[in-house]
Amino acid sequence: MPKDPFKTRLEIAKKKISKNNVNGKKDNPSAIGNAFKLSTELVSAVVVGTIIGFILDKTFGTKPWLILIFFFVGVVAGITNVIKSAKNMQK
C-alpha cells in the first residue's frame, strides 16, 4: 500500500525544520547581546547599591559613609553576578 502523500510531505517538512534549527543557532544569543547583558548587570548593581546608600544617608544623616559602603557592596554584587552569568554562558 502506498504511503499517504500528506504524511510524506509532513516528514519532509519536519526534516527541514530540524535541519534549520541545527544550522540556525537561534538558541545562542549574539556576542553583543551577551556583552550588553553582562554590562547591564554590573552597572545596575552599582546603581542600586548607590541609591540605597544615598537614601539611608539621607534618613540617618551619615553622609557620605553609607553611600560609600553601599557603592562597594553594589560593585561586589555586580562582579559576582557577572562571574555567575559568564560561567552559565560557557555551559
N, C-alpha and C. Protein backbone atom coordinates (compact mmCIF):
# COMPACT_ATOMS: atom_id res chain seq x y z
N MET A 1 0.83 -1.17 0.00
CA MET A 1 0.00 0.00 0.00
C MET A 1 0.89 1.25 0.00
N PRO A 2 0.63 2.24 -0.88
CA PRO A 2 1.49 3.43 -0.92
C PRO A 2 1.27 4.32 0.30
N LYS A 3 2.31 5.06 0.61
CA LYS A 3 2.26 5.97 1.74
C LYS A 3 1.37 7.16 1.42
N ASP A 4 0.73 7.67 2.43
CA ASP A 4 -0.13 8.84 2.27
C ASP A 4 0.72 10.04 1.86
N PRO A 5 0.35 10.80 0.81
CA PRO A 5 1.17 11.94 0.38
C PRO A 5 1.29 13.03 1.45
N PHE A 6 0.26 13.16 2.29
CA PHE A 6 0.33 14.16 3.36
C PHE A 6 1.42 13.80 4.37
N LYS A 7 1.48 12.52 4.74
CA LYS A 7 2.49 12.07 5.70
C LYS A 7 3.89 12.24 5.13
N THR A 8 4.04 12.00 3.85
CA THR A 8 5.34 12.18 3.20
C THR A 8 5.77 13.64 3.25
N ARG A 9 4.85 14.53 2.91
CA ARG A 9 5.17 15.97 2.95
C ARG A 9 5.45 16.43 4.37
N LEU A 10 4.72 15.87 5.34
CA LEU A 10 4.93 16.23 6.74
C LEU A 10 6.32 15.80 7.20
N GLU A 11 6.75 14.61 6.82
CA GLU A 11 8.09 14.15 7.19
C GLU A 11 9.18 15.02 6.56
N ILE A 12 8.98 15.42 5.33
CA ILE A 12 9.95 16.29 4.66
C ILE A 12 10.03 17.64 5.36
N ALA A 13 8.88 18.18 5.74
CA ALA A 13 8.85 19.47 6.42
C ALA A 13 9.54 19.39 7.79
N LYS A 14 9.30 18.29 8.51
CA LYS A 14 9.94 18.11 9.81
C LYS A 14 11.46 18.04 9.68
N LYS A 15 11.93 17.35 8.64
CA LYS A 15 13.38 17.26 8.42
C LYS A 15 13.98 18.62 8.12
N LYS A 16 13.27 19.43 7.31
CA LYS A 16 13.77 20.77 7.00
C LYS A 16 13.81 21.65 8.25
N ILE A 17 12.80 21.55 9.08
CA ILE A 17 12.76 22.35 10.30
C ILE A 17 13.88 21.96 11.24
N SER A 18 14.10 20.65 11.41
CA SER A 18 15.17 20.22 12.31
C SER A 18 16.54 20.61 11.76
N LYS A 19 16.71 20.59 10.44
CA LYS A 19 17.96 20.99 9.84
C LYS A 19 18.20 22.49 10.04
N ASN A 20 17.14 23.30 9.93
CA ASN A 20 17.26 24.75 10.14
C ASN A 20 17.59 25.07 11.58
N ASN A 21 17.04 24.32 12.53
CA ASN A 21 17.33 24.58 13.93
C ASN A 21 18.78 24.28 14.26
N VAL A 22 19.35 23.26 13.65
CA VAL A 22 20.76 22.93 13.90
C VAL A 22 21.67 23.99 13.30
N ASN A 23 21.38 24.43 12.09
CA ASN A 23 22.24 25.39 11.41
C ASN A 23 21.94 26.84 11.81
N GLY A 24 20.73 27.12 12.25
CA GLY A 24 20.32 28.50 12.55
C GLY A 24 20.89 29.03 13.85
N LYS A 25 21.14 28.18 14.81
CA LYS A 25 21.67 28.57 16.12
C LYS A 25 20.82 29.67 16.75
N LYS A 26 19.52 29.51 16.76
CA LYS A 26 18.64 30.53 17.32
C LYS A 26 18.69 30.54 18.84
N ASP A 27 19.17 29.46 19.46
CA ASP A 27 19.22 29.40 20.91
C ASP A 27 20.39 30.19 21.48
N ASN A 28 21.43 30.43 20.70
CA ASN A 28 22.61 31.13 21.19
C ASN A 28 22.51 32.62 20.89
N PRO A 29 22.52 33.46 21.94
CA PRO A 29 22.49 34.90 21.69
C PRO A 29 23.81 35.38 21.11
N SER A 30 23.77 36.53 20.49
CA SER A 30 24.97 37.06 19.86
C SER A 30 25.96 37.55 20.91
N ALA A 31 27.17 37.81 20.47
CA ALA A 31 28.21 38.29 21.38
C ALA A 31 27.88 39.68 21.90
N ILE A 32 27.28 40.51 21.06
CA ILE A 32 26.90 41.85 21.51
C ILE A 32 25.81 41.75 22.57
N GLY A 33 24.87 40.84 22.39
CA GLY A 33 23.82 40.64 23.39
C GLY A 33 24.39 40.19 24.72
N ASN A 34 25.34 39.26 24.67
CA ASN A 34 25.98 38.80 25.91
C ASN A 34 26.74 39.93 26.59
N ALA A 35 27.46 40.73 25.82
CA ALA A 35 28.22 41.84 26.41
C ALA A 35 27.27 42.87 27.02
N PHE A 36 26.16 43.14 26.34
CA PHE A 36 25.19 44.09 26.88
C PHE A 36 24.57 43.57 28.17
N LYS A 37 24.29 42.27 28.21
CA LYS A 37 23.72 41.67 29.43
C LYS A 37 24.68 41.79 30.61
N LEU A 38 25.95 41.45 30.36
CA LEU A 38 26.94 41.50 31.44
C LEU A 38 27.16 42.92 31.94
N SER A 39 27.27 43.87 31.00
CA SER A 39 27.50 45.26 31.42
C SER A 39 26.29 45.83 32.15
N THR A 40 25.09 45.44 31.72
CA THR A 40 23.88 45.92 32.39
C THR A 40 23.80 45.37 33.81
N GLU A 41 24.16 44.12 33.99
CA GLU A 41 24.14 43.54 35.33
C GLU A 41 25.11 44.25 36.26
N LEU A 42 26.29 44.56 35.76
CA LEU A 42 27.27 45.24 36.59
C LEU A 42 26.83 46.65 36.95
N VAL A 43 26.42 47.41 35.95
CA VAL A 43 26.03 48.80 36.18
C VAL A 43 24.79 48.89 37.07
N SER A 44 23.81 48.03 36.84
CA SER A 44 22.59 48.10 37.63
C SER A 44 22.85 47.79 39.10
N ALA A 45 23.72 46.83 39.38
CA ALA A 45 24.04 46.51 40.78
C ALA A 45 24.72 47.69 41.47
N VAL A 46 25.62 48.36 40.78
CA VAL A 46 26.31 49.52 41.36
C VAL A 46 25.32 50.66 41.59
N VAL A 47 24.43 50.90 40.62
CA VAL A 47 23.46 52.00 40.75
C VAL A 47 22.50 51.72 41.90
N VAL A 48 21.99 50.49 41.98
CA VAL A 48 21.06 50.16 43.06
C VAL A 48 21.73 50.30 44.42
N GLY A 49 22.95 49.82 44.54
CA GLY A 49 23.68 49.96 45.81
C GLY A 49 23.90 51.41 46.19
N THR A 50 24.25 52.24 45.22
CA THR A 50 24.48 53.66 45.49
C THR A 50 23.18 54.36 45.89
N ILE A 51 22.09 54.04 45.23
CA ILE A 51 20.80 54.66 45.58
C ILE A 51 20.36 54.26 46.98
N ILE A 52 20.53 53.00 47.32
CA ILE A 52 20.19 52.57 48.68
C ILE A 52 21.04 53.31 49.70
N GLY A 53 22.33 53.43 49.44
CA GLY A 53 23.21 54.17 50.35
C GLY A 53 22.81 55.64 50.46
N PHE A 54 22.43 56.25 49.34
CA PHE A 54 22.01 57.65 49.36
C PHE A 54 20.75 57.83 50.20
N ILE A 55 19.78 56.95 50.02
CA ILE A 55 18.53 57.05 50.78
C ILE A 55 18.78 56.84 52.27
N LEU A 56 19.60 55.85 52.60
CA LEU A 56 19.90 55.62 54.02
C LEU A 56 20.71 56.76 54.62
N ASP A 57 21.62 57.35 53.85
CA ASP A 57 22.37 58.50 54.33
C ASP A 57 21.45 59.68 54.62
N LYS A 58 20.50 59.90 53.75
CA LYS A 58 19.55 61.00 53.97
C LYS A 58 18.70 60.74 55.20
N THR A 59 18.32 59.48 55.38
CA THR A 59 17.46 59.13 56.52
C THR A 59 18.20 59.28 57.84
N PHE A 60 19.42 58.78 57.91
CA PHE A 60 20.16 58.76 59.17
C PHE A 60 21.14 59.92 59.33
N GLY A 61 21.34 60.72 58.29
CA GLY A 61 22.24 61.86 58.37
C GLY A 61 23.71 61.48 58.52
N THR A 62 24.13 60.46 57.84
CA THR A 62 25.51 59.98 57.98
C THR A 62 26.32 60.19 56.71
N LYS A 63 26.00 61.24 55.95
CA LYS A 63 26.67 61.47 54.67
C LYS A 63 28.17 61.46 54.84
N PRO A 64 28.94 60.94 54.03
CA PRO A 64 28.83 60.11 52.85
C PRO A 64 29.09 58.64 53.11
N TRP A 65 29.05 58.20 54.38
CA TRP A 65 29.53 56.87 54.72
C TRP A 65 28.70 55.75 54.13
N LEU A 66 27.40 55.83 54.24
CA LEU A 66 26.58 54.74 53.73
C LEU A 66 26.57 54.70 52.21
N ILE A 67 26.71 55.86 51.57
CA ILE A 67 26.83 55.86 50.10
C ILE A 67 28.07 55.09 49.69
N LEU A 68 29.18 55.35 50.35
CA LEU A 68 30.43 54.65 50.01
C LEU A 68 30.33 53.15 50.29
N ILE A 69 29.76 52.80 51.44
CA ILE A 69 29.66 51.38 51.80
C ILE A 69 28.79 50.64 50.79
N PHE A 70 27.62 51.21 50.49
CA PHE A 70 26.71 50.51 49.57
C PHE A 70 27.18 50.58 48.13
N PHE A 71 27.97 51.58 47.79
CA PHE A 71 28.58 51.61 46.46
C PHE A 71 29.48 50.39 46.28
N PHE A 72 30.34 50.14 47.26
CA PHE A 72 31.24 48.99 47.16
C PHE A 72 30.50 47.66 47.29
N VAL A 73 29.43 47.63 48.07
CA VAL A 73 28.60 46.42 48.12
C VAL A 73 27.99 46.16 46.75
N GLY A 74 27.54 47.21 46.07
CA GLY A 74 26.99 47.07 44.72
C GLY A 74 28.04 46.60 43.73
N VAL A 75 29.26 47.11 43.86
CA VAL A 75 30.34 46.67 42.97
C VAL A 75 30.62 45.18 43.16
N VAL A 76 30.69 44.75 44.40
CA VAL A 76 30.95 43.32 44.68
C VAL A 76 29.80 42.46 44.16
N ALA A 77 28.56 42.90 44.40
CA ALA A 77 27.40 42.14 43.92
C ALA A 77 27.39 42.09 42.39
N GLY A 78 27.72 43.20 41.75
CA GLY A 78 27.75 43.23 40.29
C GLY A 78 28.80 42.30 39.71
N ILE A 79 29.97 42.31 40.30
CA ILE A 79 31.05 41.44 39.82
C ILE A 79 30.69 39.98 40.00
N THR A 80 30.09 39.62 41.14
CA THR A 80 29.71 38.23 41.35
C THR A 80 28.60 37.81 40.37
N ASN A 81 27.67 38.72 40.07
CA ASN A 81 26.62 38.40 39.08
C ASN A 81 27.23 38.19 37.69
N VAL A 82 28.19 39.02 37.33
CA VAL A 82 28.85 38.88 36.02
C VAL A 82 29.60 37.56 35.94
N ILE A 83 30.27 37.19 37.00
CA ILE A 83 31.01 35.92 37.01
C ILE A 83 30.06 34.74 36.88
N LYS A 84 28.93 34.78 37.61
CA LYS A 84 27.95 33.70 37.50
C LYS A 84 27.37 33.61 36.10
N SER A 85 27.03 34.75 35.53
CA SER A 85 26.46 34.75 34.17
C SER A 85 27.47 34.26 33.14
N ALA A 86 28.74 34.66 33.30
CA ALA A 86 29.77 34.21 32.36
C ALA A 86 29.97 32.70 32.46
N LYS A 87 29.91 32.16 33.67
CA LYS A 87 30.04 30.71 33.81
C LYS A 87 28.86 30.00 33.16
N ASN A 88 27.65 30.56 33.30
CA ASN A 88 26.48 29.94 32.69
C ASN A 88 26.54 30.02 31.17
N MET A 89 27.14 31.06 30.63
CA MET A 89 27.26 31.21 29.18
C MET A 89 28.24 30.18 28.60
N GLN A 90 29.22 29.77 29.39
CA GLN A 90 30.21 28.81 28.90
C GLN A 90 29.63 27.40 28.81
N LYS A 91 28.57 27.12 29.55
CA LYS A 91 27.98 25.78 29.56
C LYS A 91 27.27 25.47 28.28
